């Protein structure tokens, strides 16, 4: 989980004050929701991809494969 937290912190830093990153567990579905916004669409997409990848690597389902 430390890798996920580091990836989130890095993403927040990269987005800076002109963007935001919100990651939360869904209250109704077995999913994690990732919401991001910022001025640079490519940067936002890259941050989202990195966070998704970190979460998938840390998930128990992924570890079982």
N, C-alpha and C. Protein backbone atom coordinates (compact mmCIF):
# COMPACT_ATOMS: atom_id res chain seq x y z
N UNK A 1 0.81 -1.19 0.00
CA UNK A 1 0.00 0.00 0.00
C UNK A 1 0.86 1.26 0.00
N UNK A 2 2.08 1.16 0.47
CA UNK A 2 2.96 2.33 0.50
C UNK A 2 3.23 2.84 -0.91
N UNK A 3 3.35 1.92 -1.87
CA UNK A 3 3.59 2.32 -3.26
C UNK A 3 2.40 3.10 -3.81
N UNK A 4 1.19 2.70 -3.43
CA UNK A 4 0.00 3.42 -3.88
C UNK A 4 -0.01 4.82 -3.29
N UNK A 5 0.29 4.93 -2.01
CA UNK A 5 0.33 6.24 -1.36
C UNK A 5 1.39 7.14 -1.97
N UNK A 6 2.53 6.58 -2.29
CA UNK A 6 3.60 7.36 -2.92
C UNK A 6 3.18 7.83 -4.31
N UNK A 7 2.50 6.97 -5.06
CA UNK A 7 2.05 7.32 -6.40
C UNK A 7 1.00 8.44 -6.33
N UNK A 8 0.10 8.35 -5.36
CA UNK A 8 -0.90 9.40 -5.18
C UNK A 8 -0.23 10.72 -4.83
N UNK A 9 0.70 10.69 -3.89
CA UNK A 9 1.41 11.91 -3.49
C UNK A 9 2.17 12.52 -4.66
N UNK A 10 2.80 11.67 -5.46
CA UNK A 10 3.52 12.15 -6.63
C UNK A 10 2.56 12.79 -7.64
N UNK A 11 1.42 12.16 -7.84
CA UNK A 11 0.42 12.71 -8.75
C UNK A 11 -0.10 14.05 -8.30
N UNK A 12 -0.35 14.19 -7.00
CA UNK A 12 -0.81 15.46 -6.45
C UNK A 12 0.24 16.55 -6.66
N UNK A 13 1.49 16.19 -6.45
CA UNK A 13 2.58 17.15 -6.65
C UNK A 13 2.67 17.58 -8.11
N UNK A 14 2.57 16.60 -9.02
CA UNK A 14 2.65 16.91 -10.45
C UNK A 14 1.49 17.77 -10.92
N UNK A 15 0.29 17.55 -10.37
CA UNK A 15 -0.86 18.36 -10.74
C UNK A 15 -0.75 19.78 -10.18
N UNK A 16 -0.09 19.92 -9.06
CA UNK A 16 0.14 21.24 -8.47
C UNK A 16 -1.15 21.89 -7.99
N UNK A 17 -1.09 23.21 -7.87
CA UNK A 17 -2.24 23.95 -7.35
C UNK A 17 -3.34 24.11 -8.39
N UNK A 18 -3.03 23.82 -9.66
CA UNK A 18 -4.02 23.95 -10.72
C UNK A 18 -4.84 22.69 -10.95
N UNK A 19 -4.66 21.69 -10.11
CA UNK A 19 -5.40 20.45 -10.29
C UNK A 19 -5.70 19.79 -8.96
N UNK A 20 -6.44 18.70 -9.05
CA UNK A 20 -6.73 17.93 -7.83
C UNK A 20 -6.91 16.46 -8.18
N UNK A 21 -6.71 15.65 -7.17
CA UNK A 21 -6.79 14.20 -7.31
C UNK A 21 -7.55 13.66 -6.12
N UNK A 22 -8.62 12.90 -6.39
CA UNK A 22 -9.44 12.31 -5.33
C UNK A 22 -9.56 10.82 -5.60
N UNK A 23 -9.17 10.03 -4.62
CA UNK A 23 -9.27 8.57 -4.72
C UNK A 23 -10.08 8.10 -3.52
N UNK A 24 -11.11 7.29 -3.81
CA UNK A 24 -11.93 6.79 -2.70
C UNK A 24 -12.56 5.46 -3.05
N UNK A 25 -12.85 4.71 -2.03
CA UNK A 25 -13.57 3.43 -2.19
C UNK A 25 -15.04 3.75 -2.39
N UNK A 26 -15.67 3.07 -3.33
CA UNK A 26 -17.09 3.25 -3.56
C UNK A 26 -17.87 2.72 -2.36
N UNK A 27 -18.93 3.39 -2.04
CA UNK A 27 -19.78 2.92 -0.95
C UNK A 27 -20.82 1.91 -1.40
N UNK A 28 -20.97 1.75 -2.72
CA UNK A 28 -22.03 0.87 -3.23
C UNK A 28 -21.53 -0.25 -4.13
N UNK A 29 -20.28 -0.15 -4.58
CA UNK A 29 -19.74 -1.16 -5.49
C UNK A 29 -18.33 -1.55 -5.03
N UNK A 30 -17.86 -2.72 -5.44
CA UNK A 30 -16.50 -3.13 -5.06
C UNK A 30 -15.45 -2.51 -6.00
N UNK A 31 -15.40 -1.19 -6.02
CA UNK A 31 -14.47 -0.48 -6.90
C UNK A 31 -13.82 0.68 -6.16
N UNK A 32 -12.73 1.15 -6.71
CA UNK A 32 -12.08 2.35 -6.22
C UNK A 32 -12.28 3.42 -7.28
N UNK A 33 -12.75 4.57 -6.87
CA UNK A 33 -13.01 5.66 -7.80
C UNK A 33 -11.82 6.62 -7.81
N UNK A 34 -11.40 6.98 -9.00
CA UNK A 34 -10.29 7.92 -9.16
C UNK A 34 -10.81 9.11 -9.96
N UNK A 35 -10.75 10.28 -9.35
CA UNK A 35 -11.19 11.50 -10.02
C UNK A 35 -10.03 12.48 -10.03
N UNK A 36 -9.80 13.07 -11.19
CA UNK A 36 -8.70 14.02 -11.31
C UNK A 36 -9.11 15.15 -12.24
N UNK A 37 -8.58 16.31 -11.98
CA UNK A 37 -8.78 17.43 -12.88
C UNK A 37 -7.56 18.33 -12.85
N UNK A 38 -7.35 19.01 -13.94
CA UNK A 38 -6.21 19.90 -14.03
C UNK A 38 -6.22 20.62 -15.37
N UNK A 39 -5.27 21.49 -15.55
CA UNK A 39 -5.21 22.31 -16.75
C UNK A 39 -4.63 21.56 -17.95
N UNK A 40 -3.77 20.57 -17.71
CA UNK A 40 -3.10 19.83 -18.78
C UNK A 40 -3.72 18.45 -18.90
N UNK A 41 -4.49 18.23 -19.96
CA UNK A 41 -5.22 16.97 -20.13
C UNK A 41 -4.30 15.76 -20.19
N UNK A 42 -3.17 15.88 -20.86
CA UNK A 42 -2.22 14.76 -20.95
C UNK A 42 -1.62 14.44 -19.59
N UNK A 43 -1.31 15.45 -18.81
CA UNK A 43 -0.77 15.24 -17.46
C UNK A 43 -1.80 14.54 -16.59
N UNK A 44 -3.04 15.00 -16.63
CA UNK A 44 -4.11 14.38 -15.83
C UNK A 44 -4.27 12.91 -16.22
N UNK A 45 -4.30 12.63 -17.51
CA UNK A 45 -4.44 11.25 -17.98
C UNK A 45 -3.27 10.39 -17.51
N UNK A 46 -2.07 10.94 -17.55
CA UNK A 46 -0.89 10.20 -17.10
C UNK A 46 -0.93 9.90 -15.62
N UNK A 47 -1.36 10.87 -14.82
CA UNK A 47 -1.47 10.68 -13.37
C UNK A 47 -2.51 9.60 -13.07
N UNK A 48 -3.65 9.66 -13.75
CA UNK A 48 -4.70 8.65 -13.54
C UNK A 48 -4.18 7.26 -13.90
N UNK A 49 -3.49 7.15 -15.02
CA UNK A 49 -2.94 5.85 -15.43
C UNK A 49 -1.97 5.30 -14.39
N UNK A 50 -1.11 6.16 -13.86
CA UNK A 50 -0.12 5.72 -12.86
C UNK A 50 -0.80 5.26 -11.58
N UNK A 51 -1.82 6.00 -11.14
CA UNK A 51 -2.53 5.62 -9.91
C UNK A 51 -3.27 4.29 -10.13
N UNK A 52 -3.93 4.15 -11.28
CA UNK A 52 -4.63 2.89 -11.59
C UNK A 52 -3.66 1.72 -11.56
N UNK A 53 -2.52 1.89 -12.19
CA UNK A 53 -1.53 0.82 -12.25
C UNK A 53 -1.04 0.45 -10.85
N UNK A 54 -0.77 1.45 -10.02
CA UNK A 54 -0.30 1.19 -8.65
C UNK A 54 -1.36 0.44 -7.84
N UNK A 55 -2.62 0.83 -8.01
CA UNK A 55 -3.71 0.17 -7.28
C UNK A 55 -3.85 -1.27 -7.75
N UNK A 56 -3.81 -1.48 -9.05
CA UNK A 56 -3.93 -2.84 -9.58
C UNK A 56 -2.79 -3.73 -9.09
N UNK A 57 -1.57 -3.21 -9.07
CA UNK A 57 -0.43 -4.00 -8.59
C UNK A 57 -0.57 -4.36 -7.12
N UNK A 58 -1.23 -3.49 -6.35
CA UNK A 58 -1.37 -3.72 -4.91
C UNK A 58 -2.60 -4.54 -4.56
N UNK A 59 -3.50 -4.78 -5.53
CA UNK A 59 -4.76 -5.46 -5.21
C UNK A 59 -4.53 -6.96 -4.98
N UNK A 60 -5.27 -7.52 -4.04
CA UNK A 60 -5.15 -8.96 -3.76
C UNK A 60 -5.51 -9.81 -4.98
N UNK A 61 -6.47 -9.39 -5.78
CA UNK A 61 -6.88 -10.15 -6.97
C UNK A 61 -5.72 -10.24 -7.96
N UNK A 62 -4.99 -9.16 -8.11
CA UNK A 62 -3.85 -9.11 -9.03
C UNK A 62 -2.73 -10.00 -8.50
N UNK A 63 -2.53 -10.00 -7.20
CA UNK A 63 -1.46 -10.79 -6.61
C UNK A 63 -1.72 -12.31 -6.76
N UNK A 64 -2.99 -12.68 -6.86
CA UNK A 64 -3.35 -14.09 -6.97
C UNK A 64 -3.07 -14.65 -8.37
N UNK A 65 -2.95 -13.77 -9.35
CA UNK A 65 -2.73 -14.22 -10.73
C UNK A 65 -1.30 -14.62 -10.99
